[in-house]
Amino acid sequence: MMASKAALAPAVGSTSLWTWPIEITNYDRRSRLTATEQRVLTQDLPLAVANERTIGAMLGRLSRLDRLLAPIDDALAAVDGTHLYDDRVRLMLLQYCAVRNQSFWAWDATAWHIVLGTTQAAFFAAHVPKPHAGGERHALIAVAYLLRCFNDIPDLGEVKRVALAEKIFGKERLAGIRANVKSGV
């Protein structure tokens, strides 16, 4: 999956000001799914989950979901991390688009609480296939935040806030800020 033009180039260097890496106005943010998206999400996706062994293979069987995947891909590209959970994040968001019969742009706080989990246990219970180690949750929260879909992090209960901030703002940038604070700058 490739990042689109809606993703802005991140500022380089730990002391530069952070700029929002995603320009959400460049996306088609309609809440309603198209007939094709509905078919792919309600018919093709469950078949892929039932028949494929890997998340990548499941996603590989899906087509015509660019409107939904482009912003997710751009947000994932902006997340600072290993990208180990990118495919799982894509799958989780697509599955819940199918459940809600609407794009993630239209979800209210209640829907996001279910998808992101107000506890780690609730997060695990909400997703099939089950998350592996829970690292998916931080990546998913970062994507929701970067797409300006959800920002009430305290409502999510126990979240490793420093790890989440590193994903969103960058490890190098946060290390630079911490160093400046320690040195009194």
Protein backbone atom coordinates (compact mmCIF):
# COMPACT_ATOMS: atom_id res chain seq x y z
CA MET A 1 0.00 0.00 0.00
CA MET A 2 1.38 3.39 -0.97
CA ALA A 3 1.06 6.78 0.67
CA SER A 4 -0.95 9.32 -1.32
CA LYS A 5 -0.53 13.01 -2.01
CA ALA A 6 -2.67 13.84 1.01
CA ALA A 7 0.17 12.86 3.33
CA LEU A 8 2.40 15.85 3.96
CA ALA A 9 6.16 15.49 4.15
CA PRO A 10 7.15 15.41 7.82
CA ALA A 11 9.46 18.09 9.15
CA VAL A 12 12.97 16.78 9.70
CA GLY A 13 14.91 17.17 12.91
CA SER A 14 14.01 16.85 16.55
CA THR A 15 13.82 20.60 17.23
CA SER A 16 11.58 21.62 14.35
CA LEU A 17 7.92 22.34 14.97
CA TRP A 18 5.61 19.41 14.41
CA THR A 19 3.12 19.83 11.59
CA TRP A 20 0.08 17.66 11.09
CA PRO A 21 1.22 15.03 8.55
CA ILE A 22 -2.22 14.37 7.04
CA GLU A 23 -4.42 16.81 5.11
CA ILE A 24 -7.82 15.21 5.61
CA THR A 25 -9.63 17.62 3.29
CA ASN A 26 -7.91 15.89 0.37
CA TYR A 27 -9.88 12.68 0.98
CA ASP A 28 -13.38 11.62 0.05
CA ARG A 29 -14.85 11.58 3.55
CA ARG A 30 -18.41 10.63 2.71
CA SER A 31 -19.95 8.58 5.48
CA ARG A 32 -21.96 6.31 3.18
CA LEU A 33 -20.25 3.34 1.61
CA THR A 34 -20.66 2.89 -2.13
CA ALA A 35 -22.49 -0.22 -3.34
CA THR A 36 -19.14 -1.67 -4.43
CA GLU A 37 -17.53 -0.95 -1.04
CA GLN A 38 -20.51 -2.56 0.72
CA ARG A 39 -20.23 -5.67 -1.45
CA VAL A 40 -16.47 -5.99 -0.93
CA LEU A 41 -16.73 -5.41 2.82
CA THR A 42 -19.74 -7.65 3.47
CA GLN A 43 -19.07 -10.48 0.99
CA ASP A 44 -15.42 -10.53 -0.14
CA LEU A 45 -13.85 -9.60 3.20
CA PRO A 46 -15.53 -12.35 5.27
CA LEU A 47 -14.57 -14.91 2.60
CA ALA A 48 -10.99 -13.70 2.64
CA VAL A 49 -10.85 -13.91 6.46
CA ALA A 50 -12.30 -17.44 6.37
CA ASN A 51 -10.06 -18.74 3.58
CA GLU A 52 -6.69 -17.00 3.89
CA ARG A 53 -4.00 -17.75 6.44
CA THR A 54 -2.35 -14.32 6.62
CA ILE A 55 -3.71 -10.82 7.00
CA GLY A 56 -1.72 -9.73 3.94
CA ALA A 57 -3.35 -12.45 1.85
CA MET A 58 -6.78 -11.44 3.16
CA LEU A 59 -6.22 -7.83 2.16
CA GLY A 60 -4.73 -8.92 -1.16
CA ARG A 61 -8.07 -10.47 -2.13
CA LEU A 62 -9.86 -7.15 -1.77
CA SER A 63 -10.15 -4.49 -4.44
CA ARG A 64 -11.92 -1.20 -5.02
CA LEU A 65 -11.47 0.05 -1.48
CA ASP A 66 -8.99 2.81 -2.34
CA ARG A 67 -11.22 5.55 -0.91
CA LEU A 68 -11.07 3.85 2.49
CA LEU A 69 -7.51 2.56 2.34
CA ALA A 70 -5.70 5.69 1.06
CA PRO A 71 -6.14 7.71 4.27
CA ILE A 72 -5.37 4.68 6.42
CA ASP A 73 -2.19 4.04 4.41
CA ASP A 74 -1.16 7.69 4.69
CA ALA A 75 -1.67 7.70 8.44
CA LEU A 76 0.25 4.43 8.80
CA ALA A 77 3.10 5.92 6.74
CA ALA A 78 3.21 8.87 9.16
CA VAL A 79 3.36 6.63 12.24
CA ASP A 80 6.87 6.31 13.65
CA GLY A 81 7.45 2.63 14.29
CA THR A 82 8.19 -0.78 12.84
CA HIS A 83 4.96 -1.00 10.82
CA LEU A 84 4.62 -4.60 12.00
CA TYR A 85 0.88 -4.15 12.58
CA ASP A 86 -0.06 -2.12 9.50
CA ASP A 87 -2.02 -4.89 7.78
CA ARG A 88 -3.87 -5.73 10.99
CA VAL A 89 -4.83 -2.07 11.43
CA ARG A 90 -6.16 -2.00 7.86
CA LEU A 91 -8.16 -5.17 8.45
CA MET A 92 -9.61 -3.99 11.76
CA LEU A 93 -10.80 -0.71 10.27
CA LEU A 94 -12.27 -2.37 7.18
CA GLN A 95 -14.08 -4.98 9.27
CA TYR A 96 -15.66 -2.34 11.42
CA CYS A 97 -16.66 -0.31 8.33
CA ALA A 98 -18.58 -3.44 7.33
CA VAL A 99 -20.17 -3.80 10.78
CA ARG A 100 -21.25 -0.14 10.90
CA ASN A 101 -22.09 0.01 7.18
CA GLN A 102 -20.32 3.36 6.96
CA SER A 103 -16.84 4.75 6.49
CA PHE A 104 -14.69 5.38 9.56
CA TRP A 105 -15.03 9.12 8.90
CA ALA A 106 -18.62 8.89 10.20
CA TRP A 107 -17.98 6.95 13.39
CA ASP A 108 -18.91 8.61 16.65
CA ALA A 109 -16.96 8.34 19.90
CA THR A 110 -18.90 5.22 20.92
CA ALA A 111 -17.86 3.39 17.75
CA TRP A 112 -14.24 4.45 18.20
CA HIS A 113 -14.32 3.27 21.84
CA ILE A 114 -15.36 -0.18 20.62
CA VAL A 115 -12.73 -0.34 17.86
CA LEU A 116 -9.91 1.07 19.99
CA GLY A 117 -11.02 -0.58 23.23
CA THR A 118 -11.44 1.22 26.53
CA THR A 119 -9.19 -1.51 27.97
CA GLN A 120 -6.72 -3.89 26.40
CA ALA A 121 -9.15 -6.76 27.11
CA ALA A 122 -12.00 -4.91 25.39
CA PHE A 123 -9.73 -4.27 22.41
CA PHE A 124 -8.89 -7.98 22.13
CA ALA A 125 -12.57 -8.95 22.46
CA ALA A 126 -13.63 -6.58 19.67
CA HIS A 127 -11.46 -8.03 16.92
CA VAL A 128 -11.34 -11.24 14.87
CA PRO A 129 -8.79 -12.56 14.17
CA LYS A 130 -7.61 -11.77 17.67
CA PRO A 131 -4.74 -9.28 17.99
CA HIS A 132 -1.40 -10.94 18.63
CA ALA A 133 0.37 -8.86 21.22
CA GLY A 134 -1.71 -5.72 21.54
CA GLY A 135 0.74 -3.53 19.63
CA GLU A 136 -2.03 -3.13 17.08
CA ARG A 137 -3.96 -1.00 19.56
CA HIS A 138 -1.34 1.76 19.71
CA ALA A 139 -0.99 1.78 15.93
CA LEU A 140 -4.77 1.94 15.55
CA ILE A 141 -5.07 4.78 18.07
CA ALA A 142 -2.31 6.67 16.24
CA VAL A 143 -4.11 6.26 12.90
CA ALA A 144 -7.43 7.45 14.38
CA TYR A 145 -5.67 10.45 15.92
CA LEU A 146 -3.73 11.39 12.78
CA LEU A 147 -6.89 11.19 10.68
CA ARG A 148 -8.59 13.48 13.23
CA CYS A 149 -11.25 10.87 13.86
CA PHE A 150 -10.57 10.41 17.57
CA ASN A 151 -8.60 12.44 20.09
CA ASP A 152 -9.97 11.58 23.53
CA ILE A 153 -7.04 9.39 24.54
CA PRO A 154 -7.83 9.51 28.31
CA ASP A 155 -11.18 7.83 27.56
CA LEU A 156 -9.28 4.74 26.40
CA GLY A 157 -8.12 3.79 29.87
CA GLU A 158 -4.62 2.45 30.28
CA VAL A 159 -2.59 3.46 27.25
CA LYS A 160 1.18 3.76 27.20
CA ARG A 161 1.05 7.47 26.47
CA VAL A 162 4.77 7.99 25.83
CA ALA A 163 4.84 5.07 23.37
CA LEU A 164 1.74 6.46 21.67
CA ALA A 165 3.22 9.97 21.50
CA GLU A 166 6.38 8.50 19.95
CA LYS A 167 4.27 6.84 17.25
CA ILE A 168 2.39 10.06 16.50
CA PHE A 169 5.08 12.72 16.88
CA GLY A 170 8.24 10.64 16.36
CA LYS A 171 10.75 9.11 18.76
CA GLU A 172 13.54 11.46 17.70
CA ARG A 173 11.41 14.56 18.17
CA LEU A 174 10.25 13.47 21.65
CA ALA A 175 13.80 12.57 22.66
CA GLY A 176 14.89 16.07 21.60
CA ILE A 177 12.08 17.67 23.58
CA ARG A 178 12.91 15.60 26.67
CA ALA A 179 16.58 16.60 26.35
CA ASN A 180 15.60 20.27 26.08
CA VAL A 181 13.39 19.99 29.16
CA LYS A 182 16.14 18.27 31.16
CA SER A 183 18.68 20.92 30.17
CA GLY A 184 16.28 23.76 31.01
CA VAL A 185 15.98 25.07 27.44
